[in-house]
Amino acid sequence: RGDLLGSYLKRLCDPNPDVHVPAARAWSVYEGSCSTLLPSFE
C-alpha cells in the first residue's frame, strides 16, 4: 500500500487474469464511484 500506483501497475501487467482482472476492476470501480455528483449505480 505504500506505493499504490506501482503496486497496481505490477498487478495490472501480470499475464494471469486471476491477478490482473480483479485489480483492474478495483481501480475502475474507484474511478466510477467518484465520477458523478450523486451516486450512480449505472
PDB file of all heavy atoms in Angstrom:
ATOM      1  N   ARG A   1       0.797  -1.224   0.000  1.00  0.00           N
ATOM      2  CA  ARG A   1       0.000   0.000   0.000  1.00  0.00           C
ATOM      3  C   ARG A   1       0.829   1.273   0.000  1.00  0.00           C
ATOM      4  O   ARG A   1       0.303   2.355  -0.274  1.00  0.00           O
ATOM      5  CB  ARG A   1      -0.964  -0.007   1.190  1.00  0.00           C
ATOM      6  CG  ARG A   1      -1.997  -1.122   1.082  1.00  0.00           C
ATOM      7  CD  ARG A   1      -2.842  -1.245   2.339  1.00  0.00           C
ATOM      8  NE  ARG A   1      -3.659  -2.458   2.272  1.00  0.00           N
ATOM      9  CZ  ARG A   1      -4.359  -2.946   3.305  1.00  0.00           C
ATOM     10  NH1 ARG A   1      -4.342  -2.305   4.477  1.00  0.00           N
ATOM     11  NH2 ARG A   1      -5.051  -4.057   3.155  1.00  0.00           N
ATOM     12  N   GLY A   2       2.120   1.160   0.292  1.00  0.00           N
ATOM     13  CA  GLY A   2       2.976   2.345   0.305  1.00  0.00           C
ATOM     14  C   GLY A   2       3.252   2.890  -1.083  1.00  0.00           C
ATOM     15  O   GLY A   2       3.635   4.055  -1.231  1.00  0.00           O
ATOM     16  N   ASP A   3       3.081   2.083  -2.106  1.00  0.00           N
ATOM     17  CA  ASP A   3       3.267   2.504  -3.500  1.00  0.00           C
ATOM     18  C   ASP A   3       2.032   2.081  -4.277  1.00  0.00           C
ATOM     19  O   ASP A   3       2.046   1.077  -4.987  1.00  0.00           O
ATOM     20  CB  ASP A   3       4.537   1.869  -4.082  1.00  0.00           C
ATOM     21  CG  ASP A   3       4.787   2.277  -5.532  1.00  0.00           C
ATOM     22  OD1 ASP A   3       4.114   3.215  -6.018  1.00  0.00           O
ATOM     23  OD2 ASP A   3       5.642   1.647  -6.187  1.00  0.00           O
ATOM     24  N   LEU A   4       0.980   2.858  -4.137  1.00  0.00           N
ATOM     25  CA  LEU A   4      -0.302   2.486  -4.717  1.00  0.00           C
ATOM     26  C   LEU A   4      -0.202   2.307  -6.236  1.00  0.00           C
ATOM     27  O   LEU A   4      -0.634   1.302  -6.787  1.00  0.00           O
ATOM     28  CB  LEU A   4      -1.355   3.521  -4.338  1.00  0.00           C
ATOM     29  CG  LEU A   4      -2.825   3.202  -4.629  1.00  0.00           C
ATOM     30  CD1 LEU A   4      -3.721   3.942  -3.635  1.00  0.00           C
ATOM     31  CD2 LEU A   4      -3.219   3.592  -6.045  1.00  0.00           C
ATOM     32  N   LEU A   5       0.387   3.283  -6.913  1.00  0.00           N
ATOM     33  CA  LEU A   5       0.470   3.215  -8.374  1.00  0.00           C
ATOM     34  C   LEU A   5       1.355   2.061  -8.825  1.00  0.00           C
ATOM     35  O   LEU A   5       0.968   1.274  -9.700  1.00  0.00           O
ATOM     36  CB  LEU A   5       0.998   4.537  -8.932  1.00  0.00           C
ATOM     37  CG  LEU A   5       1.197   4.599 -10.457  1.00  0.00           C
ATOM     38  CD1 LEU A   5      -0.095   4.278 -11.205  1.00  0.00           C
ATOM     39  CD2 LEU A   5       1.729   5.961 -10.867  1.00  0.00           C
ATOM     40  N   GLY A   6       2.526   1.931  -8.252  1.00  0.00           N
ATOM     41  CA  GLY A   6       3.437   0.860  -8.640  1.00  0.00           C
ATOM     42  C   GLY A   6       2.874  -0.517  -8.374  1.00  0.00           C
ATOM     43  O   GLY A   6       3.035  -1.441  -9.188  1.00  0.00           O
ATOM     44  N   SER A   7       2.199  -0.678  -7.241  1.00  0.00           N
ATOM     45  CA  SER A   7       1.634  -1.975  -6.889  1.00  0.00           C
ATOM     46  C   SER A   7       0.508  -2.360  -7.840  1.00  0.00           C
ATOM     47  O   SER A   7       0.401  -3.510  -8.274  1.00  0.00           O
ATOM     48  CB  SER A   7       1.127  -1.948  -5.442  1.00  0.00           C
ATOM     49  OG  SER A   7       2.194  -1.716  -4.536  1.00  0.00           O
ATOM     50  N   TYR A   8      -0.336  -1.390  -8.171  1.00  0.00           N
ATOM     51  CA  TYR A   8      -1.417  -1.683  -9.121  1.00  0.00           C
ATOM     52  C   TYR A   8      -0.862  -1.971 -10.515  1.00  0.00           C
ATOM     53  O   TYR A   8      -1.308  -2.904 -11.188  1.00  0.00           O
ATOM     54  CB  TYR A   8      -2.419  -0.526  -9.177  1.00  0.00           C
ATOM     55  CG  TYR A   8      -3.607  -0.748  -8.271  1.00  0.00           C
ATOM     56  CD1 TYR A   8      -3.650  -0.199  -7.001  1.00  0.00           C
ATOM     57  CD2 TYR A   8      -4.691  -1.531  -8.682  1.00  0.00           C
ATOM     58  CE1 TYR A   8      -4.741  -0.407  -6.155  1.00  0.00           C
ATOM     59  CE2 TYR A   8      -5.781  -1.749  -7.853  1.00  0.00           C
ATOM     60  CZ  TYR A   8      -5.796  -1.183  -6.592  1.00  0.00           C
ATOM     61  OH  TYR A   8      -6.876  -1.416  -5.761  1.00  0.00           O
ATOM     62  N   LEU A   9       0.114  -1.181 -10.953  1.00  0.00           N
ATOM     63  CA  LEU A   9       0.660  -1.386 -12.292  1.00  0.00           C
ATOM     64  C   LEU A   9       1.272  -2.777 -12.415  1.00  0.00           C
ATOM     65  O   LEU A   9       1.098  -3.453 -13.440  1.00  0.00           O
ATOM     66  CB  LEU A   9       1.699  -0.309 -12.603  1.00  0.00           C
ATOM     67  CG  LEU A   9       2.271  -0.317 -14.022  1.00  0.00           C
ATOM     68  CD1 LEU A   9       1.157  -0.177 -15.060  1.00  0.00           C
ATOM     69  CD2 LEU A   9       3.298   0.804 -14.191  1.00  0.00           C
ATOM     70  N   LYS A  10       1.975  -3.225 -11.384  1.00  0.00           N
ATOM     71  CA  LYS A  10       2.568  -4.568 -11.401  1.00  0.00           C
ATOM     72  C   LYS A  10       1.485  -5.624 -11.551  1.00  0.00           C
ATOM     73  O   LYS A  10       1.613  -6.566 -12.344  1.00  0.00           O
ATOM     74  CB  LYS A  10       3.362  -4.799 -10.125  1.00  0.00           C
ATOM     75  CG  LYS A  10       4.027  -6.172 -10.046  1.00  0.00           C
ATOM     76  CD  LYS A  10       4.808  -6.326  -8.758  1.00  0.00           C
ATOM     77  CE  LYS A  10       5.438  -7.722  -8.660  1.00  0.00           C
ATOM     78  NZ  LYS A  10       6.191  -7.881  -7.375  1.00  0.00           N
ATOM     79  N   ARG A  11       0.401  -5.483 -10.820  1.00  0.00           N
ATOM     80  CA  ARG A  11      -0.696  -6.458 -10.907  1.00  0.00           C
ATOM     81  C   ARG A  11      -1.430  -6.359 -12.241  1.00  0.00           C
ATOM     82  O   ARG A  11      -1.805  -7.367 -12.836  1.00  0.00           O
ATOM     83  CB  ARG A  11      -1.675  -6.234  -9.747  1.00  0.00           C
ATOM     84  CG  ARG A  11      -1.117  -6.671  -8.398  1.00  0.00           C
ATOM     85  CD  ARG A  11      -1.988  -6.232  -7.230  1.00  0.00           C
ATOM     86  NE  ARG A  11      -1.457  -6.791  -5.988  1.00  0.00           N
ATOM     87  CZ  ARG A  11      -1.823  -7.962  -5.475  1.00  0.00           C
ATOM     88  NH1 ARG A  11      -2.742  -8.681  -6.093  1.00  0.00           N
ATOM     89  NH2 ARG A  11      -1.282  -8.406  -4.354  1.00  0.00           N
ATOM     90  N   LEU A  12      -1.629  -5.148 -12.708  1.00  0.00           N
ATOM     91  CA  LEU A  12      -2.361  -4.961 -13.961  1.00  0.00           C
ATOM     92  C   LEU A  12      -1.597  -5.513 -15.161  1.00  0.00           C
ATOM     93  O   LEU A  12      -2.201  -5.876 -16.168  1.00  0.00           O
ATOM     94  CB  LEU A  12      -2.653  -3.476 -14.167  1.00  0.00           C
ATOM     95  CG  LEU A  12      -3.661  -2.866 -13.184  1.00  0.00           C
ATOM     96  CD1 LEU A  12      -3.620  -1.346 -13.237  1.00  0.00           C
ATOM     97  CD2 LEU A  12      -5.062  -3.378 -13.455  1.00  0.00           C
ATOM     98  N   CYS A  13      -0.296  -5.561 -15.060  1.00  0.00           N
ATOM     99  CA  CYS A  13       0.536  -6.083 -16.153  1.00  0.00           C
ATOM    100  C   CYS A  13       0.826  -7.572 -16.004  1.00  0.00           C
ATOM    101  O   CYS A  13       1.486  -8.154 -16.879  1.00  0.00           O
ATOM    102  CB  CYS A  13       1.846  -5.301 -16.232  1.00  0.00           C
ATOM    103  SG  CYS A  13       1.637  -3.590 -16.759  1.00  0.00           S
ATOM    104  N   ASP A  14       0.359  -8.179 -14.925  1.00  0.00           N
ATOM    105  CA  ASP A  14       0.546  -9.625 -14.747  1.00  0.00           C
ATOM    106  C   ASP A  14      -0.281 -10.362 -15.802  1.00  0.00           C
ATOM    107  O   ASP A  14      -1.460 -10.064 -15.985  1.00  0.00           O
ATOM    108  CB  ASP A  14       0.096 -10.033 -13.337  1.00  0.00           C
ATOM    109  CG  ASP A  14       0.529 -11.443 -12.971  1.00  0.00           C
ATOM    110  OD1 ASP A  14       0.098 -12.393 -13.671  1.00  0.00           O
ATOM    111  OD2 ASP A  14       1.289 -11.600 -12.012  1.00  0.00           O
ATOM    112  N   PRO A  15       0.313 -11.321 -16.531  1.00  0.00           N
ATOM    113  CA  PRO A  15      -0.436 -12.010 -17.591  1.00  0.00           C
ATOM    114  C   PRO A  15      -1.561 -12.910 -17.084  1.00  0.00           C
ATOM    115  O   PRO A  15      -2.442 -13.287 -17.864  1.00  0.00           O
ATOM    116  CB  PRO A  15       0.646 -12.843 -18.293  1.00  0.00           C
ATOM    117  CG  PRO A  15       1.730 -13.019 -17.277  1.00  0.00           C
ATOM    118  CD  PRO A  15       1.719 -11.770 -16.459  1.00  0.00           C
ATOM    119  N   ASN A  16      -1.569 -13.221 -15.813  1.00  0.00           N
ATOM    120  CA  ASN A  16      -2.586 -14.101 -15.241  1.00  0.00           C
ATOM    121  C   ASN A  16      -3.892 -13.316 -15.009  1.00  0.00           C
ATOM    122  O   ASN A  16      -3.911 -12.375 -14.218  1.00  0.00           O
ATOM    123  CB  ASN A  16      -2.095 -14.684 -13.920  1.00  0.00           C
ATOM    124  CG  ASN A  16      -3.045 -15.709 -13.342  1.00  0.00           C
ATOM    125  OD1 ASN A  16      -4.185 -15.865 -13.800  1.00  0.00           O
ATOM    126  ND2 ASN A  16      -2.607 -16.420 -12.314  1.00  0.00           N
ATOM    127  N   PRO A  17      -4.987 -13.700 -15.687  1.00  0.00           N
ATOM    128  CA  PRO A  17      -6.263 -12.992 -15.480  1.00  0.00           C
ATOM    129  C   PRO A  17      -6.739 -13.008 -14.034  1.00  0.00           C
ATOM    130  O   PRO A  17      -7.446 -12.081 -13.609  1.00  0.00           O
ATOM    131  CB  PRO A  17      -7.247 -13.738 -16.393  1.00  0.00           C
ATOM    132  CG  PRO A  17      -6.390 -14.425 -17.402  1.00  0.00           C
ATOM    133  CD  PRO A  17      -5.115 -14.772 -16.693  1.00  0.00           C
ATOM    134  N   ASP A  18      -6.366 -14.045 -13.285  1.00  0.00           N
ATOM    135  CA  ASP A  18      -6.761 -14.097 -11.883  1.00  0.00           C
ATOM    136  C   ASP A  18      -6.104 -12.997 -11.068  1.00  0.00           C
ATOM    137  O   ASP A  18      -6.553 -12.678  -9.963  1.00  0.00           O
ATOM    138  CB  ASP A  18      -6.409 -15.459 -11.285  1.00  0.00           C
ATOM    139  CG  ASP A  18      -7.243 -16.588 -11.867  1.00  0.00           C
ATOM    140  OD1 ASP A  18      -8.344 -16.305 -12.388  1.00  0.00           O
ATOM    141  OD2 ASP A  18      -6.794 -17.747 -11.811  1.00  0.00           O
ATOM    142  N   VAL A  19      -5.041 -12.437 -11.607  1.00  0.00           N
ATOM    143  CA  VAL A  19      -4.350 -11.336 -10.941  1.00  0.00           C
ATOM    144  C   VAL A  19      -4.788  -9.993 -11.512  1.00  0.00           C
ATOM    145  O   VAL A  19      -5.167  -9.085 -10.767  1.00  0.00           O
ATOM    146  CB  VAL A  19      -2.811 -11.484 -11.067  1.00  0.00           C
ATOM    147  CG1 VAL A  19      -2.102 -10.273 -10.447  1.00  0.00           C
ATOM    148  CG2 VAL A  19      -2.348 -12.769 -10.402  1.00  0.00           C
ATOM    149  N   HIS A  20      -4.753  -9.858 -12.848  1.00  0.00           N
ATOM    150  CA  HIS A  20      -4.984  -8.524 -13.409  1.00  0.00           C
ATOM    151  C   HIS A  20      -6.460  -8.125 -13.489  1.00  0.00           C
ATOM    152  O   HIS A  20      -6.781  -6.935 -13.390  1.00  0.00           O
ATOM    153  CB  HIS A  20      -4.301  -8.349 -14.772  1.00  0.00           C
ATOM    154  CG  HIS A  20      -4.862  -9.142 -15.907  1.00  0.00           C
ATOM    155  ND1 HIS A  20      -4.168 -10.151 -16.533  1.00  0.00           N
ATOM    156  CD2 HIS A  20      -6.042  -9.058 -16.578  1.00  0.00           C
ATOM    157  CE1 HIS A  20      -4.885 -10.642 -17.516  1.00  0.00           C
ATOM    158  NE2 HIS A  20      -6.036  -9.997 -17.561  1.00  0.00           N
ATOM    159  N   VAL A  21      -7.378  -9.083 -13.631  1.00  0.00           N
ATOM    160  CA  VAL A  21      -8.789  -8.700 -13.746  1.00  0.00           C
ATOM    161  C   VAL A  21      -9.335  -8.115 -12.444  1.00  0.00           C
ATOM    162  O   VAL A  21      -9.955  -7.038 -12.458  1.00  0.00           O
ATOM    163  CB  VAL A  21      -9.644  -9.890 -14.237  1.00  0.00           C
ATOM    164  CG1 VAL A  21     -11.133  -9.549 -14.142  1.00  0.00           C
ATOM    165  CG2 VAL A  21      -9.285 -10.245 -15.679  1.00  0.00           C
ATOM    166  N   PRO A  22      -9.131  -8.753 -11.279  1.00  0.00           N
ATOM    167  CA  PRO A  22      -9.635  -8.135 -10.038  1.00  0.00           C
ATOM    168  C   PRO A  22      -8.991  -6.775  -9.753  1.00  0.00           C
ATOM    169  O   PRO A  22      -9.659  -5.863  -9.261  1.00  0.00           O
ATOM    170  CB  PRO A  22      -9.269  -9.159  -8.961  1.00  0.00           C
ATOM    171  CG  PRO A  22      -9.104 -10.453  -9.683  1.00  0.00           C
ATOM    172  CD  PRO A  22      -8.554 -10.084 -11.025  1.00  0.00           C
ATOM    173  N   ALA A  23      -7.702  -6.631 -10.076  1.00  0.00           N
ATOM    174  CA  ALA A  23      -7.036  -5.346  -9.855  1.00  0.00           C
ATOM    175  C   ALA A  23      -7.632  -4.277 -10.766  1.00  0.00           C
ATOM    176  O   ALA A  23      -7.859  -3.136 -10.342  1.00  0.00           O
ATOM    177  CB  ALA A  23      -5.535  -5.487 -10.100  1.00  0.00           C
ATOM    178  N   ALA A  24      -7.894  -4.644 -12.007  1.00  0.00           N
ATOM    179  CA  ALA A  24      -8.496  -3.698 -12.950  1.00  0.00           C
ATOM    180  C   ALA A  24      -9.886  -3.282 -12.487  1.00  0.00           C
ATOM    181  O   ALA A  24     -10.246  -2.098 -12.553  1.00  0.00           O
ATOM    182  CB  ALA A  24      -8.566  -4.323 -14.344  1.00  0.00           C
ATOM    183  N   ARG A  25     -10.632  -4.237 -12.002  1.00  0.00           N
ATOM    184  CA  ARG A  25     -11.991  -3.924 -11.543  1.00  0.00           C
ATOM    185  C   ARG A  25     -11.946  -2.983 -10.344  1.00  0.00           C
ATOM    186  O   ARG A  25     -12.735  -2.022 -10.258  1.00  0.00           O
ATOM    187  CB  ARG A  25     -12.724  -5.219 -11.205  1.00  0.00           C
ATOM    188  CG  ARG A  25     -14.231  -5.043 -11.025  1.00  0.00           C
ATOM    189  CD  ARG A  25     -14.907  -6.357 -10.684  1.00  0.00           C
ATOM    190  NE  ARG A  25     -14.721  -7.336 -11.746  1.00  0.00           N
ATOM    191  CZ  ARG A  25     -14.157  -8.538 -11.580  1.00  0.00           C
ATOM    192  NH1 ARG A  25     -13.700  -8.885 -10.394  1.00  0.00           N
ATOM    193  NH2 ARG A  25     -14.047  -9.365 -12.588  1.00  0.00           N
ATOM    194  N   ALA A  26     -11.041  -3.214  -9.408  1.00  0.00           N
ATOM    195  CA  ALA A  26     -10.929  -2.368  -8.216  1.00  0.00           C
ATOM    196  C   ALA A  26     -10.562  -0.935  -8.602  1.00  0.00           C
ATOM    197  O   ALA A  26     -11.141   0.034  -8.101  1.00  0.00           O
ATOM    198  CB  ALA A  26      -9.886  -2.938  -7.260  1.00  0.00           C
ATOM    199  N   TRP A  27      -9.617  -0.788  -9.526  1.00  0.00           N
ATOM    200  CA  TRP A  27      -9.192   0.538  -9.992  1.00  0.00           C
ATOM    201  C   TRP A  27     -10.343   1.252 -10.701  1.00  0.00           C
ATOM    202  O   TRP A  27     -10.636   2.412 -10.437  1.00  0.00           O
ATOM    203  CB  TRP A  27      -8.000   0.369 -10.926  1.00  0.00           C
ATOM    204  CG  TRP A  27      -7.461   1.631 -11.539  1.00  0.00           C
ATOM    205  CD1 TRP A  27      -8.068   2.419 -12.481  1.00  0.00           C
ATOM    206  CD2 TRP A  27      -6.193   2.250 -11.263  1.00  0.00           C
ATOM    207  NE1 TRP A  27      -7.253   3.471 -12.827  1.00  0.00           N
ATOM    208  CE2 TRP A  27      -6.119   3.402 -12.102  1.00  0.00           C
ATOM    209  CE3 TRP A  27      -5.122   1.935 -10.418  1.00  0.00           C
ATOM    210  CZ2 TRP A  27      -4.984   4.239 -12.086  1.00  0.00           C
ATOM    211  CZ3 TRP A  27      -4.008   2.774 -10.415  1.00  0.00           C
ATOM    212  CH2 TRP A  27      -3.956   3.904 -11.226  1.00  0.00           C
ATOM    213  N   SER A  28     -10.987   0.554 -11.624  1.00  0.00           N
ATOM    214  CA  SER A  28     -12.017   1.160 -12.445  1.00  0.00           C
ATOM    215  C   SER A  28     -13.252   1.532 -11.623  1.00  0.00           C
ATOM    216  O   SER A  28     -13.851   2.599 -11.824  1.00  0.00           O
ATOM    217  CB  SER A  28     -12.395   0.206 -13.580  1.00  0.00           C
ATOM    218  OG  SER A  28     -13.199   0.846 -14.537  1.00  0.00           O
ATOM    219  N   VAL A  29     -13.642   0.676 -10.690  1.00  0.00           N
ATOM    220  CA  VAL A  29     -14.793   0.969  -9.834  1.00  0.00           C
ATOM    221  C   VAL A  29     -14.519   2.200  -8.972  1.00  0.00           C
ATOM    222  O   VAL A  29     -15.416   3.023  -8.727  1.00  0.00           O
ATOM    223  CB  VAL A  29     -15.147  -0.255  -8.973  1.00  0.00           C
ATOM    224  CG1 VAL A  29     -16.079   0.125  -7.823  1.00  0.00           C
ATOM    225  CG2 VAL A  29     -15.805  -1.332  -9.829  1.00  0.00           C
ATOM    226  N   TYR A  30     -13.288   2.338  -8.519  1.00  0.00           N
ATOM    227  CA  TYR A  30     -12.898   3.538  -7.757  1.00  0.00           C
ATOM    228  C   TYR A  30     -13.168   4.790  -8.581  1.00  0.00           C
ATOM    229  O   TYR A  30     -13.794   5.750  -8.110  1.00  0.00           O
ATOM    230  CB  TYR A  30     -11.421   3.435  -7.390  1.00  0.00           C
ATOM    231  CG  TYR A  30     -10.780   4.712  -6.897  1.00  0.00           C
ATOM    232  CD1 TYR A  30     -11.156   5.287  -5.687  1.00  0.00           C
ATOM    233  CD2 TYR A  30      -9.763   5.341  -7.632  1.00  0.00           C
ATOM    234  CE1 TYR A  30     -10.549   6.454  -5.213  1.00  0.00           C
ATOM    235  CE2 TYR A  30      -9.152   6.499  -7.173  1.00  0.00           C
ATOM    236  CZ  TYR A  30      -9.545   7.048  -5.970  1.00  0.00           C
ATOM    237  OH  TYR A  30      -8.943   8.197  -5.515  1.00  0.00           O
ATOM    238  N   GLU A  31     -12.728   4.781  -9.844  1.00  0.00           N
ATOM    239  CA  GLU A  31     -12.934   5.943 -10.691  1.00  0.00           C
ATOM    240  C   GLU A  31     -14.417   6.191 -10.944  1.00  0.00           C
ATOM    241  O   GLU A  31     -14.892   7.328 -10.870  1.00  0.00           O
ATOM    242  CB  GLU A  31     -12.188   5.773 -12.019  1.00  0.00           C
ATOM    243  CG  GLU A  31     -12.271   6.979 -12.925  1.00  0.00           C
ATOM    244  CD  GLU A  31     -11.248   6.971 -14.034  1.00  0.00           C
ATOM    245  OE1 GLU A  31     -10.250   6.228 -13.931  1.00  0.00           O
ATOM    246  OE2 GLU A  31     -11.425   7.720 -15.015  1.00  0.00           O
ATOM    247  N   GLY A  32     -15.158   5.130 -11.242  1.00  0.00           N
ATOM    248  CA  GLY A  32     -16.587   5.275 -11.487  1.00  0.00           C
ATOM    249  C   GLY A  32     -17.340   5.793 -10.279  1.00  0.00           C
ATOM    250  O   GLY A  32     -18.286   6.580 -10.408  1.00  0.00           O
ATOM    251  N   SER A  33     -16.923   5.373  -9.099  1.00  0.00           N
ATOM    252  CA  SER A  33     -17.603   5.773  -7.868  1.00  0.00           C
ATOM    253  C   SER A  33     -17.442   7.259  -7.576  1.00  0.00           C
ATOM    254  O   SER A  33     -18.263   7.850  -6.864  1.00  0.00           O
ATOM    255  CB  SER A  33     -17.064   4.960  -6.683  1.00  0.00           C
ATOM    256  OG  SER A  33     -17.291   3.580  -6.866  1.00  0.00           O
ATOM    257  N   CYS A  34     -16.381   7.869  -8.106  1.00  0.00           N
ATOM    258  CA  CYS A  34     -16.090   9.274  -7.833  1.00  0.00           C
ATOM    259  C   CYS A  34     -16.483  10.205  -8.975  1.00  0.00           C
ATOM    260  O   CYS A  34     -16.198  11.406  -8.917  1.00  0.00           O
ATOM    261  CB  CYS A  34     -14.593   9.442  -7.541  1.00  0.00           C
ATOM    262  SG  CYS A  34     -13.957   8.413  -6.203  1.00  0.00           S
ATOM    263  N   SER A  35     -17.136   9.653 -10.002  1.00  0.00           N
ATOM    264  CA  SER A  35     -17.337  10.411 -11.242  1.00  0.00           C
ATOM    265  C   SER A  35     -18.597  11.260 -11.287  1.00  0.00           C
ATOM    266  O   SER A  35     -18.706  12.136 -12.151  1.00  0.00           O
ATOM    267  CB  SER A  35     -17.346   9.447 -12.438  1.00  0.00           C
ATOM    268  OG  SER A  35     -16.064   8.912 -12.662  1.00  0.00           O
ATOM    269  N   THR A  36     -19.543  11.002 -10.423  1.00  0.00           N
ATOM    270  CA  THR A  36     -20.815  11.716 -10.505  1.00  0.00           C
ATOM    271  C   THR A  36     -21.098  12.490  -9.223  1.00  0.00           C
ATOM    272  O   THR A  36     -20.633  12.119  -8.133  1.00  0.00           O
ATOM    273  CB  THR A  36     -21.979  10.753 -10.782  1.00  0.00           C
ATOM    274  OG1 THR A  36     -21.990   9.712  -9.795  1.00  0.00           O
ATOM    275  CG2 THR A  36     -21.832  10.121 -12.164  1.00  0.00           C
ATOM    276  N   LEU A  37     -21.872  13.554  -9.347  1.00  0.00           N
ATOM    277  CA  LEU A  37     -22.230  14.355  -8.180  1.00  0.00           C
ATOM    278  C   LEU A  37     -23.050  13.534  -7.201  1.00  0.00           C
ATOM    279  O   LEU A  37     -22.796  13.531  -5.993  1.00  0.00           O
ATOM    280  CB  LEU A  37     -23.013  15.593  -8.621  1.00  0.00           C
ATOM    281  CG  LEU A  37     -23.504  16.524  -7.507  1.00  0.00           C
ATOM    282  CD1 LEU A  37     -22.333  17.111  -6.728  1.00  0.00           C
ATOM    283  CD2 LEU A  37     -24.366  17.641  -8.095  1.00  0.00           C
ATOM    284  N   LEU A  38     -24.044  12.818  -7.721  1.00  0.00           N
ATOM    285  CA  LEU A  38     -24.858  11.929  -6.907  1.00  0.00           C
ATOM    286  C   LEU A  38     -24.506  10.480  -7.235  1.00  0.00           C
ATOM    287  O   LEU A  38     -24.101  10.178  -8.364  1.00  0.00           O
ATOM    288  CB  LEU A  38     -26.345  12.178  -7.177  1.00  0.00           C
ATOM    289  CG  LEU A  38     -26.848  13.591  -6.869  1.00  0.00           C
ATOM    290  CD1 LEU A  38     -28.310  13.721  -7.264  1.00  0.00           C
ATOM    291  CD2 LEU A  38     -26.648  13.914  -5.395  1.00  0.00           C
ATOM    292  N   PRO A  39     -24.635   9.575  -6.279  1.00  0.00           N
ATOM    293  CA  PRO A  39     -24.283   8.172  -6.549  1.00  0.00           C
ATOM    294  C   PRO A  39     -25.062   7.633  -7.747  1.00  0.00           C
ATOM    295  O   PRO A  39     -26.258   7.888  -7.904  1.00  0.00           O
ATOM    296  CB  PRO A  39     -24.701   7.456  -5.255  1.00  0.00           C
ATOM    297  CG  PRO A  39     -24.672   8.517  -4.198  1.00  0.00           C
ATOM    298  CD  PRO A  39     -25.088   9.778  -4.884  1.00  0.00           C
ATOM    299  N   SER A  40     -24.356   6.890  -8.613  1.00  0.00           N
ATOM    300  CA  SER A  40     -24.973   6.331  -9.811  1.00  0.00           C
ATOM    301  C   SER A  40     -24.559   4.868  -9.951  1.00  0.00           C
ATOM    302  O   SER A  40     -23.427   4.573 -10.338  1.00  0.00           O
ATOM    303  CB  SER A  40     -24.551   7.122 -11.058  1.00  0.00           C
ATOM    304  OG  SER A  40     -24.939   6.442 -12.246  1.00  0.00           O
ATOM    305  N   PHE A  41     -25.479   3.967  -9.644  1.00  0.00           N
ATOM    306  CA  PHE A  41     -25.198   2.538  -9.781  1.00  0.00           C
ATOM    307  C   PHE A  41     -24.882   2.199 -11.223  1.00  0.00           C
ATOM    308  O   PHE A  41     -23.999   1.378 -11.518  1.00  0.00           O
ATOM    309  CB  PHE A  41     -26.409   1.722  -9.302  1.00  0.00           C
ATOM    310  CG  PHE A  41     -26.265   0.243  -9.559  1.00  0.00           C
ATOM    311  CD1 PHE A  41     -25.514  -0.556  -8.713  1.00  0.00           C
ATOM    312  CD2 PHE A  41     -26.879  -0.357 -10.658  1.00  0.00           C
ATOM    313  CE1 PHE A  41     -25.366  -1.916  -8.958  1.00  0.00           C
ATOM    314  CE2 PHE A  41     -26.735  -1.703 -10.913  1.00  0.00           C
ATOM    315  CZ  PHE A  41     -25.985  -2.496 -10.055  1.00  0.00           C
ATOM    316  N   GLU A  42     -25.585   2.846 -12.155  1.00  0.00           N
ATOM    317  CA  GLU A  42     -25.376   2.582 -13.575  1.00  0.00           C
ATOM    318  C   GLU A  42     -23.938   2.912 -13.991  1.00  0.00           C
ATOM    319  O   GLU A  42     -23.296   2.153 -14.734  1.00  0.00           O
ATOM    320  CB  GLU A  42     -26.360   3.398 -14.408  1.00  0.00           C
ATOM    321  CG  GLU A  42     -26.230   3.196 -15.910  1.00  0.00           C
ATOM    322  CD  GLU A  42     -27.163   4.107 -16.702  1.00  0.00           C
ATOM    323  OE1 GLU A  42     -27.736   5.039 -16.101  1.00  0.00           O
ATOM    324  OE2 GLU A  42     -27.313   3.874 -17.906  1.00  0.00           O
TER     325      GLU A  42
END
